Amino acid sequence: MQYEHDDGIRSTTRRARVVKVDDSKSQQRIDLKGLKNEKPMKIWRPQDFGYSSNPPKDCDGCMVQMGSRSDRTLYLDGGHEKYRPKNTPEGGTVLFNHTGDIIRVFKDKMDAVHAKTINIRIGHGYNAGDNGEGQGSPTANGQPDDASGKDTKTISVVLTGDSIVVTYDDSSVKLQSGQITHTSPKIVLEGEVHLGGDGGVLVRRCDDSCATKVFAV
């Protein structure tokens, strides 16, 4: 019988609750609340490759001390009962945060909902492979580790509650309620343009003495 060995394993695996998260370096470190008066700090929280999250305070999980050594402690996240989306269909996947923004991937549907802005962008995402311990990265200033704003050219589609903006380099099209704004150094129209729709005033292309401004009344 190895009761003593079994008790040792039980004592090094126990529940814990998130107090504070440091997400600025190559490994995420977390301060926890464990048993009474137990407050381990800077505990490693391992995450799957290709995915990263920053759990809010009071998330519950499991604290594991590998080899029964406190200096080899890691934290396995168990989620937060207040924020977890319920009733996900079998085989479905949900990406969510603590403010209600959510992406759902179900069998016949993909749904992305955000309270303010959705930005779909082609460009450089972040300085992959060059993070080190985070020195000199935007994360040190409390900003996401994202270098996409440094691109000279990007294609983006930005959706807000008031408009849709499609942008490429120095050209953009903005759709708002009752208005379309097209911004570009050069605008090319192929075919006929009818002001007021079919049956309206026809604006024709010409070679000489063309009007430089057209006003629809």
Protein backbone atom coordinates (compact mmCIF):
# COMPACT_ATOMS: atom_id res chain seq x y z
CA MET A 1 0.00 0.00 0.00
CA GLN A 2 1.26 3.47 -0.91
CA TYR A 3 -1.11 5.67 1.08
CA GLU A 4 1.62 8.20 1.83
CA HIS A 5 2.48 8.49 -1.87
CA ASP A 6 -1.20 8.88 -2.79
CA ASP A 7 -1.70 11.57 -0.15
CA GLY A 8 1.28 13.45 -1.57
CA ILE A 9 -0.28 13.48 -5.03
CA ARG A 10 -3.61 14.68 -3.65
CA SER A 11 -2.00 17.53 -1.72
CA THR A 12 -0.15 18.85 -4.76
CA THR A 13 -3.28 19.00 -6.96
CA ARG A 14 -5.97 21.38 -5.76
CA ARG A 15 -8.35 24.10 -6.87
CA ALA A 16 -7.24 27.71 -7.23
CA ARG A 17 -8.73 31.06 -8.23
CA VAL A 18 -7.18 33.79 -10.42
CA VAL A 19 -6.20 37.03 -8.66
CA LYS A 20 -3.94 38.77 -11.20
CA VAL A 21 -2.53 38.05 -14.67
CA ASP A 22 0.78 39.17 -16.23
CA ASP A 23 0.45 38.72 -20.01
CA SER A 24 3.49 40.78 -21.07
CA LYS A 25 6.19 38.12 -21.43
CA SER A 26 6.87 34.89 -23.31
CA GLN A 27 4.99 32.89 -20.67
CA GLN A 28 1.80 34.07 -19.00
CA ARG A 29 2.18 34.29 -15.23
CA ILE A 30 -0.69 34.32 -12.74
CA ASP A 31 -1.16 35.16 -9.06
CA LEU A 32 -3.59 32.75 -7.38
CA LYS A 33 -5.63 32.07 -4.26
CA GLY A 34 -5.40 28.45 -3.15
CA LEU A 35 -6.06 26.96 0.26
CA LYS A 36 -6.48 29.19 3.31
CA ASN A 37 -3.64 31.75 3.48
CA GLU A 38 -2.11 30.23 0.32
CA LYS A 39 -1.29 32.89 -2.27
CA PRO A 40 1.16 31.56 -4.89
CA MET A 41 2.49 34.22 -7.29
CA LYS A 42 3.85 34.25 -10.85
CA ILE A 43 2.56 30.76 -11.62
CA TRP A 44 2.90 29.55 -15.21
CA ARG A 45 -0.37 29.11 -17.12
CA PRO A 46 0.35 26.86 -20.15
CA GLN A 47 -1.78 27.45 -23.27
CA ASP A 48 -2.34 25.61 -26.55
CA PHE A 49 -0.26 26.71 -29.55
CA GLY A 50 -2.13 29.12 -31.80
CA TYR A 51 -4.39 30.37 -29.02
CA SER A 52 -3.96 32.84 -26.18
CA SER A 53 -6.34 34.38 -23.66
CA ASN A 54 -6.23 36.58 -20.59
CA PRO A 55 -8.61 35.18 -17.96
CA PRO A 56 -10.53 37.68 -15.81
CA LYS A 57 -10.24 37.79 -12.05
CA ASP A 58 -11.94 34.99 -10.10
CA CYS A 59 -11.64 32.35 -12.83
CA ASP A 60 -11.46 28.91 -11.22
CA GLY A 61 -9.03 26.18 -12.17
CA CYS A 62 -6.59 23.57 -10.95
CA MET A 63 -3.13 24.17 -9.49
CA VAL A 64 -0.68 21.31 -10.11
CA GLN A 65 2.75 20.93 -8.51
CA MET A 66 4.78 18.65 -10.78
CA GLY A 67 6.92 16.18 -8.87
CA SER A 68 5.29 17.47 -5.64
CA ARG A 69 7.53 20.55 -5.84
CA SER A 70 6.12 24.02 -5.22
CA ASP A 71 8.71 25.58 -7.56
CA ARG A 72 7.21 23.54 -10.43
CA THR A 73 3.63 24.74 -10.00
CA LEU A 74 1.41 25.38 -13.02
CA TYR A 75 -2.20 26.50 -13.35
CA LEU A 76 -4.78 24.76 -15.56
CA ASP A 77 -7.71 27.01 -16.35
CA GLY A 78 -11.24 25.84 -15.59
CA GLY A 79 -13.16 28.86 -16.88
CA HIS A 80 -15.59 31.22 -15.17
CA GLU A 81 -19.13 30.10 -14.39
CA LYS A 82 -20.51 33.64 -14.79
CA TYR A 83 -19.26 34.22 -18.34
CA ARG A 84 -19.28 30.79 -20.01
CA PRO A 85 -21.81 30.59 -22.92
CA LYS A 86 -24.34 27.80 -22.36
CA ASN A 87 -26.11 25.31 -24.66
CA THR A 88 -23.46 25.04 -27.40
CA PRO A 89 -24.56 22.36 -29.92
CA GLU A 90 -22.58 19.13 -30.16
CA GLY A 91 -19.39 19.70 -32.18
CA GLY A 92 -19.74 23.50 -31.95
CA THR A 93 -16.97 25.94 -31.04
CA VAL A 94 -17.30 29.29 -29.28
CA LEU A 95 -14.75 32.07 -28.78
CA PHE A 96 -15.92 34.64 -26.24
CA ASN A 97 -14.84 37.26 -23.72
CA HIS A 98 -16.20 38.67 -20.47
CA THR A 99 -18.12 41.55 -22.11
CA GLY A 100 -20.40 39.43 -24.30
CA ASP A 101 -18.51 39.64 -27.62
CA ILE A 102 -18.64 36.22 -29.26
CA ILE A 103 -17.75 34.14 -32.34
CA ARG A 104 -19.78 30.95 -32.83
CA VAL A 105 -18.93 28.17 -35.28
CA PHE A 106 -21.77 25.69 -35.55
CA LYS A 107 -22.63 23.02 -38.12
CA ASP A 108 -24.47 25.28 -40.58
CA LYS A 109 -23.61 28.73 -39.26
CA MET A 110 -20.76 31.05 -38.33
CA ASP A 111 -21.71 34.07 -36.27
CA ALA A 112 -19.47 36.98 -35.14
CA VAL A 113 -20.97 39.59 -32.83
CA HIS A 114 -19.14 42.55 -31.28
CA ALA A 115 -20.55 45.49 -29.36
CA LYS A 116 -18.57 48.18 -31.20
CA THR A 117 -16.21 47.22 -34.03
CA ILE A 118 -15.38 44.22 -36.25
CA ASN A 119 -12.17 44.64 -38.28
CA ILE A 120 -11.29 42.06 -40.94
CA ARG A 121 -7.83 42.87 -42.26
CA ILE A 122 -5.20 41.49 -44.62
CA GLY A 123 -1.72 42.51 -43.48
CA HIS A 124 1.06 41.70 -41.03
CA GLY A 125 -0.40 40.56 -37.72
CA TYR A 126 2.37 40.78 -35.11
CA ASN A 127 6.10 40.23 -34.66
CA ALA A 128 5.92 36.44 -34.55
CA GLY A 129 9.08 34.75 -33.28
CA ASP A 130 10.54 38.05 -32.07
CA ASN A 131 8.75 38.48 -28.76
CA GLY A 132 11.44 37.29 -26.36
CA GLU A 133 10.45 38.43 -22.90
CA GLY A 134 8.41 41.34 -24.16
CA GLN A 135 11.06 44.06 -23.80
CA GLY A 136 10.35 46.92 -26.14
CA SER A 137 7.02 45.48 -27.29
CA PRO A 138 3.78 47.49 -27.24
CA THR A 139 2.53 45.13 -24.54
CA ALA A 140 4.75 46.90 -22.03
CA ASN A 141 2.54 49.98 -22.47
CA GLY A 142 -0.65 48.03 -21.93
CA GLN A 143 -1.39 47.69 -25.65
CA PRO A 144 -1.92 44.44 -27.60
CA ASP A 145 1.18 42.89 -29.14
CA ASP A 146 0.10 43.81 -32.68
CA ALA A 147 2.33 45.40 -35.32
CA SER A 148 -0.22 45.42 -38.15
CA GLY A 149 -0.50 49.22 -38.02
CA LYS A 150 3.05 49.49 -39.40
CA ASP A 151 2.06 48.14 -42.82
CA THR A 152 2.32 50.49 -45.80
CA LYS A 153 -0.61 48.75 -47.48
CA THR A 154 -3.52 46.80 -46.00
CA ILE A 155 -6.98 45.72 -47.06
CA SER A 156 -9.57 46.00 -44.34
CA VAL A 157 -13.31 45.81 -43.78
CA VAL A 158 -14.44 47.61 -40.63
CA LEU A 159 -17.99 47.23 -39.36
CA THR A 160 -19.41 49.45 -36.63
CA GLY A 161 -22.92 50.22 -35.48
CA ASP A 162 -23.04 53.24 -37.81
CA SER A 163 -21.05 52.35 -40.93
CA ILE A 164 -19.17 49.84 -43.09
CA VAL A 165 -15.76 50.96 -44.39
CA VAL A 166 -13.76 49.05 -47.03
CA THR A 167 -10.17 50.36 -47.35
CA TYR A 168 -7.22 49.53 -49.57
CA ASP A 169 -4.11 51.69 -49.33
CA ASP A 170 -5.31 55.29 -49.93
CA SER A 171 -8.78 54.39 -51.27
CA SER A 172 -11.92 53.71 -49.27
CA VAL A 173 -15.66 53.27 -49.58
CA LYS A 174 -17.82 54.16 -46.57
CA LEU A 175 -21.46 53.07 -46.36
CA GLN A 176 -23.73 54.86 -43.94
CA SER A 177 -27.48 55.11 -43.63
CA GLY A 178 -28.59 57.16 -46.67
CA GLN A 179 -25.03 57.95 -47.81
CA ILE A 180 -22.04 56.42 -49.61
CA THR A 181 -18.65 58.17 -49.48
CA HIS A 182 -15.96 57.14 -51.97
CA THR A 183 -12.47 58.49 -51.26
CA SER A 184 -9.66 57.94 -53.76
CA PRO A 185 -7.09 59.99 -55.74
CA LYS A 186 -8.75 58.63 -58.91
CA ILE A 187 -12.30 57.38 -59.49
CA VAL A 188 -13.10 55.40 -62.66
CA LEU A 189 -16.71 54.84 -63.74
CA GLU A 190 -17.36 52.32 -66.49
CA GLY A 191 -20.67 52.56 -68.36
CA GLU A 192 -23.59 54.95 -67.91
CA VAL A 193 -24.35 56.79 -64.68
CA HIS A 194 -27.99 57.69 -63.96
CA LEU A 195 -28.61 60.32 -61.27
CA GLY A 196 -31.80 59.37 -59.50
CA GLY A 197 -31.82 55.76 -60.74
CA ASP A 198 -33.34 54.42 -63.96
CA GLY A 199 -35.13 57.20 -65.80
CA GLY A 200 -33.10 59.87 -64.03
CA VAL A 201 -30.58 62.32 -65.46
CA LEU A 202 -28.02 60.48 -67.57
CA VAL A 203 -24.41 61.61 -67.13
CA ARG A 204 -22.37 60.67 -70.22
CA ARG A 205 -18.62 60.40 -70.61
CA CYS A 206 -17.01 62.81 -73.06
CA ASP A 207 -13.58 63.80 -74.33
CA ASP A 208 -13.66 67.62 -74.26
CA SER A 209 -15.27 70.30 -72.11
CA CYS A 210 -16.70 67.90 -69.59
CA ALA A 211 -18.13 69.15 -66.34
CA THR A 212 -15.78 68.73 -63.39
CA LYS A 213 -18.64 68.70 -60.85
CA VAL A 214 -22.09 67.15 -61.02
CA PHE A 215 -24.79 68.00 -58.50
CA ALA A 216 -27.95 65.93 -58.06
CA VAL A 217 -30.91 68.09 -57.04
